[in-house]
Amino acid sequence: MNARKLFSIFFLVFLVVGLAAVSGAYAQAQMKKETGAMPITKPLQIKTPLGLPPVPIPSNNPPTAETIALGRQLYYDPILSVDNTVSCATCHDPQFGFADPKLFSEGVGKKVGSRHSPTVLNAAYFTVQFWDGRAPSLEKQAEGPVQNPVEMAHTLTGVEQKLNADPRYREQFAQAWGSAPITYEMVEKSIASFERTIISANSPFDRWKYGHDEKAVSPTVKRGFIVFNSKKKGNCAVCHTVGNKYALFTDNKYMHDGSLKDLKQVIDFYVGAGNSNPNLDPQIHGLDFLTGQERADLLAFLNSLTGEILPNVGPTERVRTTAQK
């Protein structure tokens, strides 16, 4: 084999290896672009109670013990707000079902918003977030309140600066995400991972319907479930869906402005066919034909949906101690 042929072979080999390396580097760069920051520790499975399906998990944010703990810390810490007065829990309070007892929530400087804060309970299953569905995920939802001038009134860059200036947070983020500087992507992914543990089920209804325990609920509740399901009665399940293996009681379309104080008022609202408006769902119609007993049964059924909340979702000792200073 002469030198020219040998050189040609070596050149081709070099070219193929080089192209493969460039292609591999490009693929890694694209994957990094698509996934962004990734937790550095072992993913864990969020155990779901009776009555719920597995929690949906995005591929670019697998939950870990470290990111969940960090998200829990951030959820209750007012450091996310511009003046350290408002946290996620201010408007989504565990004492009130991770919602707000006020008609409209108060943000920085006691500024009042225009909507009632929805509960975080089981928000992990929502296909979109906020009442108007403007955020596609829990991660993106965590960007909104921080930047809203009547909520936390901050900026994402400002939050990054505050957290990077805190030695304790730098250490905690390093344990969860590695030694890189803290970014808001890490913040929102941590909060979202924690919020995916704020789930509630194993209610008396769940134990009856899915646990097959006939003693879990009263005959009144069982009659109320018939009213709830029947197309000729309440027809509630057309929107508040109930499956054969679990029930989320939502079709992921929203209605709530904080104007109704309790379940009885909700029933009365629908008995009157809701508020007349051009956007009224065609499935909604007057229910004034329901008897007093049927309305009482329906209320009993709705009360049977109160479930158990997973442990370790309340404020951490560090947040409680900081708040007392």
C-alpha atoms as a PDB file:
ATOM      1  CA  MET A   1       0.000   0.000   0.000  1.00  0.00           C
ATOM      2  CA  ASN A   2       1.549   3.297  -1.050  1.00  0.00           C
ATOM      3  CA  ALA A   3       1.734   6.364   1.157  1.00  0.00           C
ATOM      4  CA  ARG A   4      -1.054   8.214  -0.682  1.00  0.00           C
ATOM      5  CA  LYS A   5      -3.603   5.421  -0.104  1.00  0.00           C
ATOM      6  CA  LEU A   6      -2.535   5.057   3.528  1.00  0.00           C
ATOM      7  CA  PHE A   7      -2.961   8.791   4.055  1.00  0.00           C
ATOM      8  CA  SER A   8      -6.433   8.676   2.474  1.00  0.00           C
ATOM      9  CA  ILE A   9      -7.535   5.881   4.816  1.00  0.00           C
ATOM     10  CA  PHE A  10      -6.268   7.715   7.885  1.00  0.00           C
ATOM     11  CA  PHE A  11      -7.977  10.905   6.719  1.00  0.00           C
ATOM     12  CA  LEU A  12     -11.336   9.143   6.263  1.00  0.00           C
ATOM     13  CA  VAL A  13     -11.073   7.524   9.695  1.00  0.00           C
ATOM     14  CA  PHE A  14     -10.213  10.877  11.245  1.00  0.00           C
ATOM     15  CA  LEU A  15     -13.131  12.515   9.425  1.00  0.00           C
ATOM     16  CA  VAL A  16     -15.663   9.886  10.572  1.00  0.00           C
ATOM     17  CA  VAL A  17     -14.461  10.019  14.189  1.00  0.00           C
ATOM     18  CA  GLY A  18     -14.537  13.801  14.117  1.00  0.00           C
ATOM     19  CA  LEU A  19     -18.062  13.940  12.707  1.00  0.00           C
ATOM     20  CA  ALA A  20     -19.235  11.435  15.324  1.00  0.00           C
ATOM     21  CA  ALA A  21     -17.719  13.537  18.095  1.00  0.00           C
ATOM     22  CA  VAL A  22     -19.338  16.728  16.784  1.00  0.00           C
ATOM     23  CA  SER A  23     -22.670  14.941  16.387  1.00  0.00           C
ATOM     24  CA  GLY A  24     -22.454  13.566  19.934  1.00  0.00           C
ATOM     25  CA  ALA A  25     -21.577  16.965  21.358  1.00  0.00           C
ATOM     26  CA  TYR A  26     -24.488  18.542  19.466  1.00  0.00           C
ATOM     27  CA  ALA A  27     -26.880  15.883  20.764  1.00  0.00           C
ATOM     28  CA  GLN A  28     -25.689  16.472  24.334  1.00  0.00           C
ATOM     29  CA  ALA A  29     -26.111  20.218  23.894  1.00  0.00           C
ATOM     30  CA  GLN A  30     -29.639  19.746  22.572  1.00  0.00           C
ATOM     31  CA  MET A  31     -30.505  17.427  25.465  1.00  0.00           C
ATOM     32  CA  LYS A  32     -29.118  19.964  27.925  1.00  0.00           C
ATOM     33  CA  LYS A  33     -31.184  22.682  26.263  1.00  0.00           C
ATOM     34  CA  GLU A  34     -34.346  20.587  26.498  1.00  0.00           C
ATOM     35  CA  THR A  35     -33.869  19.343  30.075  1.00  0.00           C
ATOM     36  CA  GLY A  36     -32.062  22.299  31.646  1.00  0.00           C
ATOM     37  CA  ALA A  37     -30.884  21.895  35.229  1.00  0.00           C
ATOM     38  CA  MET A  38     -31.255  18.351  36.552  1.00  0.00           C
ATOM     39  CA  PRO A  39     -31.161  17.091  40.162  1.00  0.00           C
ATOM     40  CA  ILE A  40     -27.911  15.361  41.043  1.00  0.00           C
ATOM     41  CA  THR A  41     -29.314  12.824  43.499  1.00  0.00           C
ATOM     42  CA  LYS A  42     -31.402   9.678  43.126  1.00  0.00           C
ATOM     43  CA  PRO A  43     -35.042  10.194  42.017  1.00  0.00           C
ATOM     44  CA  LEU A  44     -37.761   8.876  44.276  1.00  0.00           C
ATOM     45  CA  GLN A  45     -41.353   7.798  43.747  1.00  0.00           C
ATOM     46  CA  ILE A  46     -44.134   9.837  45.325  1.00  0.00           C
ATOM     47  CA  LYS A  47     -46.503   7.375  46.970  1.00  0.00           C
ATOM     48  CA  THR A  48     -50.150   8.128  46.311  1.00  0.00           C
ATOM     49  CA  PRO A  49     -53.009   7.350  48.705  1.00  0.00           C
ATOM     50  CA  LEU A  50     -56.144   5.419  47.827  1.00  0.00           C
ATOM     51  CA  GLY A  51     -58.266   7.230  45.252  1.00  0.00           C
ATOM     52  CA  LEU A  52     -55.491   8.889  43.241  1.00  0.00           C
ATOM     53  CA  PRO A  53     -53.474   7.786  40.184  1.00  0.00           C
ATOM     54  CA  PRO A  54     -49.667   8.028  40.054  1.00  0.00           C
ATOM     55  CA  VAL A  55     -48.433  11.605  40.186  1.00  0.00           C
ATOM     56  CA  PRO A  56     -47.451  12.846  36.681  1.00  0.00           C
ATOM     57  CA  ILE A  57     -43.724  13.652  36.653  1.00  0.00           C
ATOM     58  CA  PRO A  58     -41.994  15.657  33.888  1.00  0.00           C
ATOM     59  CA  SER A  59     -38.892  13.970  32.503  1.00  0.00           C
ATOM     60  CA  ASN A  60     -36.770  17.082  33.083  1.00  0.00           C
ATOM     61  CA  ASN A  61     -37.620  17.353  36.783  1.00  0.00           C
ATOM     62  CA  PRO A  62     -37.627  13.976  38.562  1.00  0.00           C
ATOM     63  CA  PRO A  63     -38.298  14.511  42.277  1.00  0.00           C
ATOM     64  CA  THR A  64     -35.571  13.705  44.790  1.00  0.00           C
ATOM     65  CA  ALA A  65     -35.489  13.909  48.569  1.00  0.00           C
ATOM     66  CA  GLU A  66     -33.188  16.927  48.295  1.00  0.00           C
ATOM     67  CA  THR A  67     -35.235  18.911  45.758  1.00  0.00           C
ATOM     68  CA  ILE A  68     -38.474  18.217  47.641  1.00  0.00           C
ATOM     69  CA  ALA A  69     -36.937  19.374  50.931  1.00  0.00           C
ATOM     70  CA  LEU A  70     -35.550  22.468  49.233  1.00  0.00           C
ATOM     71  CA  GLY A  71     -38.894  23.198  47.572  1.00  0.00           C
ATOM     72  CA  ARG A  72     -40.643  22.872  50.920  1.00  0.00           C
ATOM     73  CA  GLN A  73     -38.200  25.377  52.403  1.00  0.00           C
ATOM     74  CA  LEU A  74     -38.751  27.841  49.565  1.00  0.00           C
ATOM     75  CA  TYR A  75     -42.548  27.437  49.611  1.00  0.00           C
ATOM     76  CA  TYR A  76     -42.783  28.782  53.153  1.00  0.00           C
ATOM     77  CA  ASP A  77     -39.972  31.338  52.951  1.00  0.00           C
ATOM     78  CA  PRO A  78     -40.928  34.989  52.221  1.00  0.00           C
ATOM     79  CA  ILE A  79     -37.454  35.487  50.736  1.00  0.00           C
ATOM     80  CA  LEU A  80     -39.077  35.101  47.314  1.00  0.00           C
ATOM     81  CA  SER A  81     -40.907  38.427  47.738  1.00  0.00           C
ATOM     82  CA  VAL A  82     -39.264  41.803  47.229  1.00  0.00           C
ATOM     83  CA  ASP A  83     -39.592  42.849  50.893  1.00  0.00           C
ATOM     84  CA  ASN A  84     -39.542  39.430  52.599  1.00  0.00           C
ATOM     85  CA  THR A  85     -43.204  39.594  53.667  1.00  0.00           C
ATOM     86  CA  VAL A  86     -45.011  37.190  51.315  1.00  0.00           C
ATOM     87  CA  SER A  87     -44.412  33.484  50.698  1.00  0.00           C
ATOM     88  CA  CYS A  88     -46.256  30.904  48.612  1.00  0.00           C
ATOM     89  CA  ALA A  89     -47.964  29.802  51.825  1.00  0.00           C
ATOM     90  CA  THR A  90     -49.310  33.302  52.428  1.00  0.00           C
ATOM     91  CA  CYS A  91     -51.977  32.675  49.786  1.00  0.00           C
ATOM     92  CA  HIS A  92     -51.857  28.867  49.769  1.00  0.00           C
ATOM     93  CA  ASP A  93     -52.000  28.165  53.498  1.00  0.00           C
ATOM     94  CA  PRO A  94     -51.975  24.560  54.797  1.00  0.00           C
ATOM     95  CA  GLN A  95     -54.302  25.629  57.622  1.00  0.00           C
ATOM     96  CA  PHE A  96     -56.964  26.393  55.003  1.00  0.00           C
ATOM     97  CA  GLY A  97     -56.515  23.464  52.630  1.00  0.00           C
ATOM     98  CA  PHE A  98     -53.543  25.134  50.909  1.00  0.00           C
ATOM     99  CA  ALA A  99     -55.841  27.938  49.760  1.00  0.00           C
ATOM    100  CA  ASP A 100     -56.809  31.333  51.234  1.00  0.00           C
ATOM    101  CA  PRO A 101     -59.818  32.051  53.453  1.00  0.00           C
ATOM    102  CA  LYS A 102     -59.944  35.607  52.117  1.00  0.00           C
ATOM    103  CA  LEU A 103     -62.095  36.424  49.095  1.00  0.00           C
ATOM    104  CA  PHE A 104     -59.052  37.993  47.411  1.00  0.00           C
ATOM    105  CA  SER A 105     -55.501  37.408  48.584  1.00  0.00           C
ATOM    106  CA  GLU A 106     -53.165  40.138  49.815  1.00  0.00           C
ATOM    107  CA  GLY A 107     -49.647  40.565  48.472  1.00  0.00           C
ATOM    108  CA  VAL A 108     -46.735  42.891  49.180  1.00  0.00           C
ATOM    109  CA  GLY A 109     -47.867  46.138  50.810  1.00  0.00           C
ATOM    110  CA  LYS A 110     -51.326  44.624  51.412  1.00  0.00           C
ATOM    111  CA  LYS A 111     -52.130  44.990  47.721  1.00  0.00           C
ATOM    112  CA  VAL A 112     -55.219  42.962  46.791  1.00  0.00           C
ATOM    113  CA  GLY A 113     -55.514  40.776  43.724  1.00  0.00           C
ATOM    114  CA  SER A 114     -58.585  40.220  41.586  1.00  0.00           C
ATOM    115  CA  ARG A 115     -58.971  36.453  42.017  1.00  0.00           C
ATOM    116  CA  HIS A 116     -59.302  33.978  44.826  1.00  0.00           C
ATOM    117  CA  SER A 117     -56.209  31.816  45.321  1.00  0.00           C
ATOM    118  CA  PRO A 118     -56.875  28.215  44.226  1.00  0.00           C
ATOM    119  CA  THR A 119     -55.763  25.311  46.380  1.00  0.00           C
ATOM    120  CA  VAL A 120     -52.448  23.598  45.754  1.00  0.00           C
ATOM    121  CA  LEU A 121     -53.954  20.288  46.907  1.00  0.00           C
ATOM    122  CA  ASN A 122     -53.771  17.811  44.014  1.00  0.00           C
ATOM    123  CA  ALA A 123     -52.603  20.578  41.656  1.00  0.00           C
ATOM    124  CA  ALA A 124     -49.996  18.030  40.546  1.00  0.00           C
ATOM    125  CA  TYR A 125     -52.770  16.473  38.446  1.00  0.00           C
ATOM    126  CA  PHE A 126     -53.922  19.693  36.758  1.00  0.00           C
ATOM    127  CA  THR A 127     -53.083  19.836  33.063  1.00  0.00           C
ATOM    128  CA  VAL A 128     -52.754  23.640  33.302  1.00  0.00           C
ATOM    129  CA  GLN A 129     -52.277  26.050  36.211  1.00  0.00           C
ATOM    130  CA  PHE A 130     -53.992  29.277  37.381  1.00  0.00           C
ATOM    131  CA  TRP A 131     -57.736  29.773  37.018  1.00  0.00           C
ATOM    132  CA  ASP A 132     -57.300  30.845  33.394  1.00  0.00           C
ATOM    133  CA  GLY A 133     -54.870  28.043  32.562  1.00  0.00           C
ATOM    134  CA  ARG A 134     -52.090  30.387  31.432  1.00  0.00           C
ATOM    135  CA  ALA A 135     -49.259  28.254  32.866  1.00  0.00           C
ATOM    136  CA  PRO A 136     -48.655  24.767  31.419  1.00  0.00           C
ATOM    137  CA  SER A 137     -46.969  23.306  34.500  1.00  0.00           C
ATOM    138  CA  LEU A 138     -46.268  23.731  38.202  1.00  0.00           C
ATOM    139  CA  GLU A 139     -42.765  24.837  37.272  1.00  0.00           C
ATOM    140  CA  LYS A 140     -43.992  27.719  35.116  1.00  0.00           C
ATOM    141  CA  GLN A 141     -46.715  28.591  37.621  1.00  0.00           C
ATOM    142  CA  ALA A 142     -43.988  29.281  40.196  1.00  0.00           C
ATOM    143  CA  GLU A 143     -42.719  32.156  38.034  1.00  0.00           C
ATOM    144  CA  GLY A 144     -45.999  34.097  38.028  1.00  0.00           C
ATOM    145  CA  PRO A 145     -46.556  35.237  41.641  1.00  0.00           C
ATOM    146  CA  VAL A 146     -42.909  36.262  42.068  1.00  0.00           C
ATOM    147  CA  GLN A 147     -43.181  38.767  39.216  1.00  0.00           C
ATOM    148  CA  ASN A 148     -46.757  39.914  39.849  1.00  0.00           C
ATOM    149  CA  PRO A 149     -46.721  43.505  41.244  1.00  0.00           C
ATOM    150  CA  VAL A 150     -49.679  42.795  43.565  1.00  0.00           C
ATOM    151  CA  GLU A 151     -48.268  39.499  44.863  1.00  0.00           C
ATOM    152  CA  MET A 152     -44.522  39.150  45.510  1.00  0.00           C
ATOM    153  CA  ALA A 153     -43.551  42.154  43.342  1.00  0.00           C
ATOM    154  CA  HIS A 154     -40.052  40.799  42.672  1.00  0.00           C
ATOM    155  CA  THR A 155     -38.034  39.645  39.663  1.00  0.00           C
ATOM    156  CA  LEU A 156     -36.602  36.218  38.883  1.00  0.00           C
ATOM    157  CA  THR A 157     -33.107  37.723  38.710  1.00  0.00           C
ATOM    158  CA  GLY A 158     -33.657  39.441  42.041  1.00  0.00           C
ATOM    159  CA  VAL A 159     -34.619  36.148  43.666  1.00  0.00           C
ATOM    160  CA  GLU A 160     -31.488  34.513  42.245  1.00  0.00           C
ATOM    161  CA  GLN A 161     -29.328  37.269  43.736  1.00  0.00           C
ATOM    162  CA  LYS A 162     -30.926  36.975  47.181  1.00  0.00           C
ATOM    163  CA  LEU A 163     -30.554  33.205  47.281  1.00  0.00           C
ATOM    164  CA  ASN A 164     -26.961  33.235  46.016  1.00  0.00           C
ATOM    165  CA  ALA A 165     -26.138  35.706  48.805  1.00  0.00           C
ATOM    166  CA  ASP A 166     -27.472  33.294  51.458  1.00  0.00           C
ATOM    167  CA  PRO A 167     -24.816  30.743  52.568  1.00  0.00           C
ATOM    168  CA  ARG A 168     -27.429  28.290  53.852  1.00  0.00           C
ATOM    169  CA  TYR A 169     -29.320  28.294  50.585  1.00  0.00           C
ATOM    170  CA  ARG A 170     -26.089  27.954  48.574  1.00  0.00           C
ATOM    171  CA  GLU A 171     -25.306  24.824  50.556  1.00  0.00           C
ATOM    172  CA  GLN A 172     -28.826  23.413  50.212  1.00  0.00           C
ATOM    173  CA  PHE A 173     -28.955  24.077  46.458  1.00  0.00           C
ATOM    174  CA  ALA A 174     -25.529  22.473  46.035  1.00  0.00           C
ATOM    175  CA  GLN A 175     -26.808  19.299  47.705  1.00  0.00           C
ATOM    176  CA  ALA A 176     -29.796  19.168  45.354  1.00  0.00           C
ATOM    177  CA  TRP A 177     -28.511  20.636  42.089  1.00  0.00           C
ATOM    178  CA  GLY A 178     -24.716  20.695  42.230  1.00  0.00           C
ATOM    179  CA  SER A 179     -22.198  23.464  42.764  1.00  0.00           C
ATOM    180  CA  ALA A 180     -23.340  25.788  39.949  1.00  0.00           C
ATOM    181  CA  PRO A 181     -24.754  29.224  40.870  1.00  0.00           C
ATOM    182  CA  ILE A 182     -28.423  29.198  41.873  1.00  0.00           C
ATOM    183  CA  THR A 183     -30.810  29.899  38.994  1.00  0.00           C
ATOM    184  CA  TYR A 184     -34.542  30.486  39.108  1.00  0.00           C
ATOM    185  CA  GLU A 185     -35.004  27.320  37.062  1.00  0.00           C
ATOM    186  CA  MET A 186     -33.685  25.397  40.082  1.00  0.00           C
ATOM    187  CA  VAL A 187     -36.046  27.367  42.326  1.00  0.00           C
ATOM    188  CA  GLU A 188     -39.185  26.650  40.321  1.00  0.00           C
ATOM    189  CA  LYS A 189     -38.307  23.002  39.792  1.00  0.00           C
ATOM    190  CA  SER A 190     -37.728  22.540  43.535  1.00  0.00           C
ATOM    191  CA  ILE A 191     -41.021  24.204  44.447  1.00  0.00           C
ATOM    192  CA  ALA A 192     -42.859  22.118  41.835  1.00  0.00           C
ATOM    193  CA  SER A 193     -41.346  18.886  43.174  1.00  0.00           C
ATOM    194  CA  PHE A 194     -42.514  19.783  46.675  1.00  0.00           C
ATOM    195  CA  GLU A 195     -45.983  20.743  45.446  1.00  0.00           C
ATOM    196  CA  ARG A 196     -46.315  17.323  43.804  1.00  0.00           C
ATOM    197  CA  THR A 197     -46.257  15.865  47.329  1.00  0.00           C
ATOM    198  CA  ILE A 198     -49.189  18.065  48.435  1.00  0.00           C
ATOM    199  CA  ILE A 199     -51.854  15.542  47.552  1.00  0.00           C
ATOM    200  CA  SER A 200     -54.978  14.408  49.340  1.00  0.00           C
ATOM    201  CA  ALA A 201     -57.133  11.282  49.090  1.00  0.00           C
ATOM    202  CA  ASN A 202     -58.051   8.195  51.147  1.00  0.00           C
ATOM    203  CA  SER A 203     -61.274   9.996  52.017  1.00  0.00           C
ATOM    204  CA  PRO A 204     -64.324   8.129  53.366  1.00  0.00           C
ATOM    205  CA  PHE A 205     -65.602   8.147  49.780  1.00  0.00           C
ATOM    206  CA  ASP A 206     -62.321   6.663  48.500  1.00  0.00           C
ATOM    207  CA  ARG A 207     -62.405   3.930  51.131  1.00  0.00           C
ATOM    208  CA  TRP A 208     -65.965   3.069  50.101  1.00  0.00           C
ATOM    209  CA  LYS A 209     -65.663   3.423  46.326  1.00  0.00           C
ATOM    210  CA  TYR A 210     -62.126   2.143  45.788  1.00  0.00           C
ATOM    211  CA  GLY A 211     -61.407   0.323  49.035  1.00  0.00           C
ATOM    212  CA  HIS A 212     -64.768  -1.499  48.918  1.00  0.00           C
ATOM    213  CA  ASP A 213     -65.473  -0.773  52.576  1.00  0.00           C
ATOM    214  CA  GLU A 214     -69.267  -0.530  52.816  1.00  0.00           C
ATOM    215  CA  LYS A 215     -69.025   0.862  56.348  1.00  0.00           C
ATOM    216  CA  ALA A 216     -66.799   3.782  55.317  1.00  0.00           C
ATOM    217  CA  VAL A 217     -69.774   6.023  54.502  1.00  0.00           C
ATOM    218  CA  SER A 218     -73.399   6.320  55.536  1.00  0.00           C
ATOM    219  CA  PRO A 219     -76.467   5.467  53.415  1.00  0.00           C
ATOM    220  CA  THR A 220     -76.987   9.225  53.058  1.00  0.00           C
ATOM    221  CA  VAL A 221     -73.601   9.562  51.346  1.00  0.00           C
ATOM    222  CA  LYS A 222     -74.362   6.639  49.034  1.00  0.00           C
ATOM    223  CA  ARG A 223     -77.650   8.250  48.006  1.00  0.00           C
ATOM    224  CA  GLY A 224     -75.842  11.547  47.487  1.00  0.00           C
ATOM    225  CA  PHE A 225     -73.383   9.863  45.128  1.00  0.00           C
ATOM    226  CA  ILE A 226     -76.326   8.704  43.018  1.00  0.00           C
ATOM    227  CA  VAL A 227     -77.615  12.292  42.845  1.00  0.00           C
ATOM    228  CA  PHE A 228     -74.096  13.478  41.946  1.00  0.00           C
ATOM    229  CA  ASN A 229     -73.684  10.928  39.144  1.00  0.00           C
ATOM    230  CA  SER A 230     -77.174  10.707  37.679  1.00  0.00           C
ATOM    231  CA  LYS A 231     -77.696  12.602  34.424  1.00  0.00           C
ATOM    232  CA  LYS A 232     -81.338  13.024  35.415  1.00  0.00           C
ATOM    233  CA  LYS A 233     -80.410  14.441  38.827  1.00  0.00           C
ATOM    234  CA  GLY A 234     -77.321  16.520  39.620  1.00  0.00           C
ATOM    235  CA  ASN A 235     -75.266  15.459  36.596  1.00  0.00           C
ATOM    236  CA  CYS A 236     -72.245  16.830  38.480  1.00  0.00           C
ATOM    237  CA  ALA A 237     -69.888  14.093  37.266  1.00  0.00           C
ATOM    238  CA  VAL A 238     -70.083  15.425  33.701  1.00  0.00           C
ATOM    239  CA  CYS A 239     -67.456  17.983  34.786  1.00  0.00           C
ATOM    240  CA  HIS A 240     -66.304  16.628  38.160  1.00  0.00           C
ATOM    241  CA  THR A 241     -65.196  13.300  36.785  1.00  0.00           C
ATOM    242  CA  VAL A 242     -65.121   9.989  38.675  1.00  0.00           C
ATOM    243  CA  GLY A 243     -63.141   7.060  37.253  1.00  0.00           C
ATOM    244  CA  ASN A 244     -63.288   3.334  37.891  1.00  0.00           C
ATOM    245  CA  LYS A 245     -59.936   3.265  39.709  1.00  0.00           C
ATOM    246  CA  TYR A 246     -59.561   6.816  40.986  1.00  0.00           C
ATOM    247  CA  ALA A 247     -61.330  10.172  41.050  1.00  0.00           C
ATOM    248  CA  LEU A 248     -59.861  13.633  40.507  1.00  0.00           C
ATOM    249  CA  PHE A 249     -63.298  15.293  40.458  1.00  0.00           C
ATOM    250  CA  THR A 250     -62.244  17.716  37.730  1.00  0.00           C
ATOM    251  CA  ASP A 251     -62.115  17.923  33.956  1.00  0.00           C
ATOM    252  CA  ASN A 252     -59.352  20.542  34.320  1.00  0.00           C
ATOM    253  CA  LYS A 253     -61.603  23.483  33.391  1.00  0.00           C
ATOM    254  CA  TYR A 254     -62.025  26.062  36.116  1.00  0.00           C
ATOM    255  CA  MET A 255     -64.747  28.038  37.962  1.00  0.00           C
ATOM    256  CA  HIS A 256     -64.191  29.720  41.308  1.00  0.00           C
ATOM    257  CA  ASP A 257     -64.043  33.342  42.357  1.00  0.00           C
ATOM    258  CA  GLY A 258     -64.195  32.943  46.116  1.00  0.00           C
ATOM    259  CA  SER A 259     -67.758  34.211  46.324  1.00  0.00           C
ATOM    260  CA  LEU A 260     -69.243  30.982  47.750  1.00  0.00           C
ATOM    261  CA  LYS A 261     -68.387  30.320  51.383  1.00  0.00           C
ATOM    262  CA  ASP A 262     -69.349  26.675  51.817  1.00  0.00           C
ATOM    263  CA  LEU A 263     -70.608  23.568  50.024  1.00  0.00           C
ATOM    264  CA  LYS A 264     -74.250  24.334  50.751  1.00  0.00           C
ATOM    265  CA  GLN A 265     -73.905  27.650  48.925  1.00  0.00           C
ATOM    266  CA  VAL A 266     -72.295  25.808  46.013  1.00  0.00           C
ATOM    267  CA  ILE A 267     -75.267  23.438  45.805  1.00  0.00           C
ATOM    268  CA  ASP A 268     -77.710  26.352  45.992  1.00  0.00           C
ATOM    269  CA  PHE A 269     -75.760  28.132  43.245  1.00  0.00           C
ATOM    270  CA  TYR A 270     -76.126  25.183  40.890  1.00  0.00           C
ATOM    271  CA  VAL A 271     -79.711  24.532  41.879  1.00  0.00           C
ATOM    272  CA  GLY A 272     -80.331  28.025  40.497  1.00  0.00           C
ATOM    273  CA  ALA A 273     -78.440  27.136  37.265  1.00  0.00           C
ATOM    274  CA  GLY A 274     -75.467  29.353  38.066  1.00  0.00           C
ATOM    275  CA  ASN A 275     -75.030  32.910  36.846  1.00  0.00           C
ATOM    276  CA  SER A 276     -76.497  33.607  33.442  1.00  0.00           C
ATOM    277  CA  ASN A 277     -73.712  34.681  31.059  1.00  0.00           C
ATOM    278  CA  PRO A 278     -72.603  34.038  27.435  1.00  0.00           C
ATOM    279  CA  ASN A 279     -69.933  31.562  28.589  1.00  0.00           C
ATOM    280  CA  LEU A 280     -72.217  29.384  30.690  1.00  0.00           C
ATOM    281  CA  ASP A 281     -71.478  25.689  30.148  1.00  0.00           C
ATOM    282  CA  PRO A 282     -74.366  24.078  28.257  1.00  0.00           C
ATOM    283  CA  GLN A 283     -74.288  21.189  30.741  1.00  0.00           C
ATOM    284  CA  ILE A 284     -75.422  23.507  33.539  1.00  0.00           C
ATOM    285  CA  HIS A 285     -79.169  23.668  34.056  1.00  0.00           C
ATOM    286  CA  GLY A 286     -81.550  24.370  36.904  1.00  0.00           C
ATOM    287  CA  LEU A 287     -81.734  21.721  39.624  1.00  0.00           C
ATOM    288  CA  ASP A 288     -84.698  23.142  41.494  1.00  0.00           C
ATOM    289  CA  PHE A 289     -86.497  19.834  40.969  1.00  0.00           C
ATOM    290  CA  LEU A 290     -84.179  18.143  43.499  1.00  0.00           C
ATOM    291  CA  THR A 291     -86.015  17.412  46.730  1.00  0.00           C
ATOM    292  CA  GLY A 292     -84.822  18.657  50.077  1.00  0.00           C
ATOM    293  CA  GLN A 293     -83.667  15.127  50.920  1.00  0.00           C
ATOM    294  CA  GLU A 294     -81.695  14.838  47.685  1.00  0.00           C
ATOM    295  CA  ARG A 295     -79.951  18.142  48.357  1.00  0.00           C
ATOM    296  CA  ALA A 296     -79.080  17.016  51.881  1.00  0.00           C
ATOM    297  CA  ASP A 297     -77.781  13.692  50.513  1.00  0.00           C
ATOM    298  CA  LEU A 298     -75.666  15.532  47.937  1.00  0.00           C
ATOM    299  CA  LEU A 299     -74.143  17.721  50.650  1.00  0.00           C
ATOM    300  CA  ALA A 300     -73.334  14.653  52.745  1.00  0.00           C
ATOM    301  CA  PHE A 301     -71.619  13.071  49.747  1.00  0.00           C
ATOM    302  CA  LEU A 302     -69.505  16.173  49.103  1.00  0.00           C
ATOM    303  CA  ASN A 303     -68.422  16.227  52.739  1.00  0.00           C
ATOM    304  CA  SER A 304     -67.287  12.614  52.410  1.00  0.00           C
ATOM    305  CA  LEU A 305     -64.627  13.725  49.917  1.00  0.00           C
ATOM    306  CA  THR A 306     -62.441  15.268  52.626  1.00  0.00           C
ATOM    307  CA  GLY A 307     -59.243  13.246  52.394  1.00  0.00           C
ATOM    308  CA  GLU A 308     -55.980  12.807  54.221  1.00  0.00           C
ATOM    309  CA  ILE A 309     -52.938  14.918  53.372  1.00  0.00           C
ATOM    310  CA  LEU A 310     -49.507  13.344  53.122  1.00  0.00           C
ATOM    311  CA  PRO A 311     -47.143  14.136  56.029  1.00  0.00           C
ATOM    312  CA  ASN A 312     -44.139  16.475  55.902  1.00  0.00           C
ATOM    313  CA  VAL A 313     -45.769  19.248  53.890  1.00  0.00           C
ATOM    314  CA  GLY A 314     -46.004  21.890  56.621  1.00  0.00           C
ATOM    315  CA  PRO A 315     -43.468  24.666  57.320  1.00  0.00           C
ATOM    316  CA  THR A 316     -39.961  23.582  58.276  1.00  0.00           C
ATOM    317  CA  GLU A 317     -38.346  24.427  61.599  1.00  0.00           C
ATOM    318  CA  ARG A 318     -35.980  26.841  59.869  1.00  0.00           C
ATOM    319  CA  VAL A 319     -38.865  28.898  58.459  1.00  0.00           C
ATOM    320  CA  ARG A 320     -40.714  28.902  61.794  1.00  0.00           C
ATOM    321  CA  THR A 321     -37.578  30.063  63.614  1.00  0.00           C
ATOM    322  CA  THR A 322     -36.841  32.772  61.040  1.00  0.00           C
ATOM    323  CA  ALA A 323     -40.413  34.066  61.239  1.00  0.00           C
ATOM    324  CA  GLN A 324     -40.128  34.457  65.012  1.00  0.00           C
ATOM    325  CA  LYS A 325     -37.063  36.723  64.793  1.00  0.00           C
END
